[in-house]
PDB file of N, CA and C in Angstrom:
ATOM      1  N   MET A   1       0.638  -1.225   0.118  1.00  0.00           N
ATOM      2  CA  MET A   1      -0.010   0.266  -0.118  1.00  0.00           C
ATOM      3  C   MET A   1       0.708   0.890   0.052  1.00  0.00           C
ATOM      4  N   GLY A   2       0.798   2.042  -1.122  1.00  0.00           N
ATOM      5  CA  GLY A   2       1.567   3.154  -1.359  1.00  0.00           C
ATOM      6  C   GLY A   2       0.959   4.721  -0.472  1.00  0.00           C
ATOM      7  N   ARG A   3       1.943   5.652  -0.555  1.00  0.00           N
ATOM      8  CA  ARG A   3       1.468   6.900   0.007  1.00  0.00           C
ATOM      9  C   ARG A   3       0.668   7.239  -0.414  1.00  0.00           C
ATOM     10  N   ASP A   4       0.670   7.133  -2.112  1.00  0.00           N
ATOM     11  CA  ASP A   4      -0.916   7.908  -2.425  1.00  0.00           C
ATOM     12  C   ASP A   4      -2.077   7.398  -2.346  1.00  0.00           C
ATOM     13  N   ARG A   5      -2.337   5.726  -2.349  1.00  0.00           N
ATOM     14  CA  ARG A   5      -3.418   5.403  -1.554  1.00  0.00           C
ATOM     15  C   ARG A   5      -3.816   5.367  -0.416  1.00  0.00           C
ATOM     16  N   GLN A   6      -2.846   5.468   0.569  1.00  0.00           N
ATOM     17  CA  GLN A   6      -3.064   5.866   1.931  1.00  0.00           C
ATOM     18  C   GLN A   6      -3.950   7.842   1.478  1.00  0.00           C
ATOM     19  N   ILE A   7      -3.134   8.248   1.019  1.00  0.00           N
ATOM     20  CA  ILE A   7      -3.740  10.207   0.918  1.00  0.00           C
ATOM     21  C   ILE A   7      -4.921   9.977   0.683  1.00  0.00           C
ATOM     22  N   TYR A   8      -5.313   9.109  -0.718  1.00  0.00           N
ATOM     23  CA  TYR A   8      -6.568   8.811  -1.266  1.00  0.00           C
ATOM     24  C   TYR A   8      -7.320   8.656  -0.225  1.00  0.00           C
ATOM     25  N   ASN A   9      -7.379   7.435   0.567  1.00  0.00           N
ATOM     26  CA  ASN A   9      -8.566   6.821   1.033  1.00  0.00           C
ATOM     27  C   ASN A   9      -8.628   7.886   2.625  1.00  0.00           C
ATOM     28  N   ILE A  10      -7.393   8.839   3.261  1.00  0.00           N
ATOM     29  CA  ILE A  10      -7.672   9.565   3.891  1.00  0.00           C
ATOM     30  C   ILE A  10      -9.191  10.902   3.572  1.00  0.00           C
ATOM     31  N   GLU A  11      -8.351  11.304   2.246  1.00  0.00           N
ATOM     32  CA  GLU A  11      -9.083  12.592   1.832  1.00  0.00           C
ATOM     33  C   GLU A  11     -10.662  11.720   1.240  1.00  0.00           C
ATOM     34  N   HIS A  12     -10.727  10.503   0.938  1.00  0.00           N
ATOM     35  CA  HIS A  12     -12.207   9.873   0.944  1.00  0.00           C
ATOM     36  C   HIS A  12     -12.753   9.739   2.096  1.00  0.00           C
ATOM     37  N   PHE A  13     -12.110   9.044   3.188  1.00  0.00           N
ATOM     38  CA  PHE A  13     -13.057   9.655   4.748  1.00  0.00           C
ATOM     39  C   PHE A  13     -13.279  10.802   5.275  1.00  0.00           C
ATOM     40  N   ASN A  14     -12.677  11.636   4.481  1.00  0.00           N
ATOM     41  CA  ASN A  14     -12.590  12.886   5.052  1.00  0.00           C
ATOM     42  C   ASN A  14     -13.857  14.099   4.322  1.00  0.00           C
ATOM     43  N   LEU A  15     -14.179  13.225   3.328  1.00  0.00           N
ATOM     44  CA  LEU A  15     -15.341  13.714   1.994  1.00  0.00           C
ATOM     45  C   LEU A  15     -16.782  13.089   3.041  1.00  0.00           C
ATOM     46  N   LEU A  16     -16.953  11.551   2.892  1.00  0.00           N
ATOM     47  CA  LEU A  16     -17.842  11.230   3.902  1.00  0.00           C
ATOM     48  C   LEU A  16     -18.103  11.345   4.898  1.00  0.00           C
ATOM     49  N   MET A  17     -17.151  11.551   5.483  1.00  0.00           N
ATOM     50  CA  MET A  17     -17.675  12.830   7.296  1.00  0.00           C
ATOM     51  C   MET A  17     -18.101  13.732   6.845  1.00  0.00           C
ATOM     52  N   LYS A  18     -17.991  14.524   5.807  1.00  0.00           N
ATOM     53  CA  LYS A  18     -18.591  15.884   5.751  1.00  0.00           C
ATOM     54  C   LYS A  18     -20.438  15.288   5.029  1.00  0.00           C
ATOM     55  N   LEU A  19     -19.834  14.282   4.146  1.00  0.00           N
ATOM     56  CA  LEU A  19     -21.438  13.837   3.555  1.00  0.00           C
ATOM     57  C   LEU A  19     -22.147  13.748   4.531  1.00  0.00           C
ATOM     58  N   ARG A  20     -21.682  12.652   5.812  1.00  0.00           N
ATOM     59  CA  ARG A  20     -22.194  12.149   6.865  1.00  0.00           C
ATOM     60  C   ARG A  20     -22.923  13.491   7.822  1.00  0.00           C
ATOM     61  N   TYR A  21     -22.439  14.608   8.101  1.00  0.00           N
ATOM     62  CA  TYR A  21     -22.754  15.553   8.538  1.00  0.00           C
ATOM     63  C   TYR A  21     -23.832  16.137   8.109  1.00  0.00           C
ATOM     64  N   GLN A  22     -23.445  16.344   6.841  1.00  0.00           N
ATOM     65  CA  GLN A  22     -24.974  17.090   5.475  1.00  0.00           C
ATOM     66  C   GLN A  22     -25.996  16.230   5.903  1.00  0.00           C
ATOM     67  N   PHE A  23     -26.233  14.787   5.599  1.00  0.00           N
ATOM     68  CA  PHE A  23     -26.941  14.154   5.417  1.00  0.00           C
ATOM     69  C   PHE A  23     -27.109  12.841   6.828  1.00  0.00           C
ATOM     70  N   VAL A  24     -27.444  13.558   7.951  1.00  0.00           N
ATOM     71  CA  VAL A  24     -27.587  13.009   9.147  1.00  0.00           C
ATOM     72  C   VAL A  24     -28.109  11.556   8.756  1.00  0.00           C
ATOM     73  N   ASN A  25     -29.500  11.563   8.413  1.00  0.00           N
ATOM     74  CA  ASN A  25     -30.597  10.810   8.403  1.00  0.00           C
ATOM     75  C   ASN A  25     -30.320   9.791   6.990  1.00  0.00           C
ATOM     76  N   SER A  26     -29.006   9.639   6.610  1.00  0.00           N
ATOM     77  CA  SER A  26     -29.127   8.867   5.628  1.00  0.00           C
ATOM     78  C   SER A  26     -27.951   8.080   5.973  1.00  0.00           C
ATOM     79  N   LYS A  27     -27.034   8.033   6.984  1.00  0.00           N
ATOM     80  CA  LYS A  27     -25.511   7.270   7.330  1.00  0.00           C
ATOM     81  C   LYS A  27     -26.185   6.179   6.529  1.00  0.00           C
ATOM     82  N   SER A  28     -27.014   5.268   6.737  1.00  0.00           N
ATOM     83  CA  SER A  28     -27.674   3.693   5.821  1.00  0.00           C
ATOM     84  C   SER A  28     -26.635   3.881   4.383  1.00  0.00           C
ATOM     85  N   ARG A  29     -27.290   5.039   4.053  1.00  0.00           N
ATOM     86  CA  ARG A  29     -26.618   5.138   2.284  1.00  0.00           C
ATOM     87  C   ARG A  29     -25.484   5.425   2.114  1.00  0.00           C
ATOM     88  N   ILE A  30     -25.000   6.521   3.136  1.00  0.00           N
ATOM     89  CA  ILE A  30     -23.138   6.414   3.075  1.00  0.00           C
ATOM     90  C   ILE A  30     -22.322   5.476   3.233  1.00  0.00           C
ATOM     91  N   GLU A  31     -22.869   4.327   4.366  1.00  0.00           N
ATOM     92  CA  GLU A  31     -22.435   3.094   4.333  1.00  0.00           C
ATOM     93  C   GLU A  31     -22.387   2.098   2.928  1.00  0.00           C
ATOM     94  N   ILE A  32     -23.519   2.443   2.764  1.00  0.00           N
ATOM     95  CA  ILE A  32     -23.581   1.423   1.342  1.00  0.00           C
ATOM     96  C   ILE A  32     -22.688   2.033   0.404  1.00  0.00           C
ATOM     97  N   LEU A  33     -22.644   3.358   0.008  1.00  0.00           N
ATOM     98  CA  LEU A  33     -21.388   3.834  -0.555  1.00  0.00           C
ATOM     99  C   LEU A  33     -19.791   3.883  -0.436  1.00  0.00           C
ATOM    100  N   LEU A  34     -19.945   3.526   0.934  1.00  0.00           N
ATOM    101  CA  LEU A  34     -18.719   2.959   1.413  1.00  0.00           C
ATOM    102  C   LEU A  34     -18.124   1.669   0.658  1.00  0.00           C
ATOM    103  N   ILE A  35     -19.085   0.675   0.927  1.00  0.00           N
ATOM    104  CA  ILE A  35     -19.215  -0.566   0.722  1.00  0.00           C
ATOM    105  C   ILE A  35     -18.838  -0.939  -1.246  1.00  0.00           C
ATOM    106  N   LYS A  36     -19.549   0.336  -1.769  1.00  0.00           N
ATOM    107  CA  LYS A  36     -18.811   0.225  -3.303  1.00  0.00           C
ATOM    108  C   LYS A  36     -17.889   0.765  -3.579  1.00  0.00           C
ATOM    109  N   THR A  37     -17.438   1.697  -2.803  1.00  0.00           N
ATOM    110  CA  THR A  37     -16.502   2.772  -3.659  1.00  0.00           C
ATOM    111  C   THR A  37     -15.134   2.509  -2.774  1.00  0.00           C
ATOM    112  N   CYS A  38     -14.921   1.765  -1.705  1.00  0.00           N
ATOM    113  CA  CYS A  38     -13.474   1.537  -0.975  1.00  0.00           C
ATOM    114  C   CYS A  38     -13.559   0.573  -0.624  1.00  0.00           C
ATOM    115  N   ASN A  39     -11.821  -0.022  -0.966  1.00  0.00           N
ATOM    116  CA  ASN A  39     -11.490  -1.385  -0.382  1.00  0.00           C
ATOM    117  C   ASN A  39     -11.316  -1.735   0.753  1.00  0.00           C
ATOM    118  N   PHE A  40     -11.213  -0.400   1.332  1.00  0.00           N
ATOM    119  CA  PHE A  40     -11.141  -0.219   3.586  1.00  0.00           C
ATOM    120  C   PHE A  40     -12.531   0.111   3.847  1.00  0.00           C
ATOM    121  N   ASN A  41     -13.438  -0.345   4.060  1.00  0.00           N
ATOM    122  CA  ASN A  41     -14.798  -0.444   3.871  1.00  0.00           C
ATOM    123  C   ASN A  41     -14.946  -0.624   5.824  1.00  0.00           C
ATOM    124  N   ILE A  42     -14.432  -1.858   5.585  1.00  0.00           N
ATOM    125  CA  ILE A  42     -14.296  -1.699   7.032  1.00  0.00           C
ATOM    126  C   ILE A  42     -13.802  -1.437   8.435  1.00  0.00           C
ATOM    127  N   ILE A  43     -12.227  -0.557   7.655  1.00  0.00           N
ATOM    128  CA  ILE A  43     -11.463   0.307   8.232  1.00  0.00           C
ATOM    129  C   ILE A  43     -12.600   1.776   8.880  1.00  0.00           C
ATOM    130  N   PHE A  44     -12.932   1.863   7.342  1.00  0.00           N
ATOM    131  CA  PHE A  44     -13.620   3.238   7.469  1.00  0.00           C
ATOM    132  C   PHE A  44     -15.107   2.913   8.511  1.00  0.00           C
ATOM    133  N   ARG A  45     -15.801   1.755   8.268  1.00  0.00           N
ATOM    134  CA  ARG A  45     -16.637   1.652   9.070  1.00  0.00           C
ATOM    135  C   ARG A  45     -16.823   1.617  10.585  1.00  0.00           C
ATOM    136  N   LYS A  46     -15.606   1.274  10.516  1.00  0.00           N
ATOM    137  CA  LYS A  46     -15.117   1.025  12.543  1.00  0.00           C
ATOM    138  C   LYS A  46     -14.763   2.218  12.599  1.00  0.00           C
ATOM    139  N   ALA A  47     -13.989   3.507  11.727  1.00  0.00           N
ATOM    140  CA  ALA A  47     -13.682   4.778  12.413  1.00  0.00           C
ATOM    141  C   ALA A  47     -15.251   5.384  12.141  1.00  0.00           C
ATOM    142  N   LEU A  48     -16.027   5.195  11.681  1.00  0.00           N
ATOM    143  CA  LEU A  48     -17.295   5.923  11.535  1.00  0.00           C
ATOM    144  C   LEU A  48     -17.514   5.587  13.160  1.00  0.00           C
ATOM    145  N   ARG A  49     -18.168   4.331  13.441  1.00  0.00           N
ATOM    146  CA  ARG A  49     -18.767   3.983  14.770  1.00  0.00           C
ATOM    147  C   ARG A  49     -17.671   4.649  15.791  1.00  0.00           C
ATOM    148  N   ASP A  50     -16.462   4.925  15.585  1.00  0.00           N
ATOM    149  CA  ASP A  50     -15.990   5.523  17.110  1.00  0.00           C
ATOM    150  C   ASP A  50     -16.079   6.638  16.673  1.00  0.00           C
ATOM    151  N   CYS A  51     -16.105   7.316  15.802  1.00  0.00           N
ATOM    152  CA  CYS A  51     -16.614   8.972  15.677  1.00  0.00           C
ATOM    153  C   CYS A  51     -17.520   8.785  16.193  1.00  0.00           C
ATOM    154  N   GLU A  52     -18.841   8.118  16.044  1.00  0.00           N
ATOM    155  CA  GLU A  52     -20.146   7.947  16.621  1.00  0.00           C
ATOM    156  C   GLU A  52     -20.077   7.858  18.363  1.00  0.00           C
ATOM    157  N   GLU A  53     -19.309   6.977  19.072  1.00  0.00           N
ATOM    158  CA  GLU A  53     -19.087   6.483  19.984  1.00  0.00           C
ATOM    159  C   GLU A  53     -18.475   7.948  20.694  1.00  0.00           C
ATOM    160  N   GLU A  54     -17.518   8.861  20.708  1.00  0.00           N
ATOM    161  CA  GLU A  54     -17.132  10.403  20.877  1.00  0.00           C
ATOM    162  C   GLU A  54     -17.871  11.615  20.589  1.00  0.00           C
ATOM    163  N   SER A  55     -19.064  11.537  19.754  1.00  0.00           N
ATOM    164  CA  SER A  55     -20.092  11.880  19.732  1.00  0.00           C
ATOM    165  C   SER A  55     -21.244  11.964  20.828  1.00  0.00           C
ATOM    166  N   ASN A  56     -21.385  10.917  21.191  1.00  0.00           N
ATOM    167  CA  ASN A  56     -22.255  10.431  21.595  1.00  0.00           C
ATOM    168  C   ASN A  56     -21.911  10.727  23.162  1.00  0.00           C
TER     169      ASN A  56
END
């Protein structure tokens, strides 16, 4: 896994987080988008869960 890949994943994650805050009620749709577009969906979904736990 190269550095470019890592940067892409961080940017992709940041974009998804922005989407998540824009569309609070469509979290499941964003998780589906994650699964379709990202090889690291498990990592990102865990990160989303961790963020949710922190915000509660």
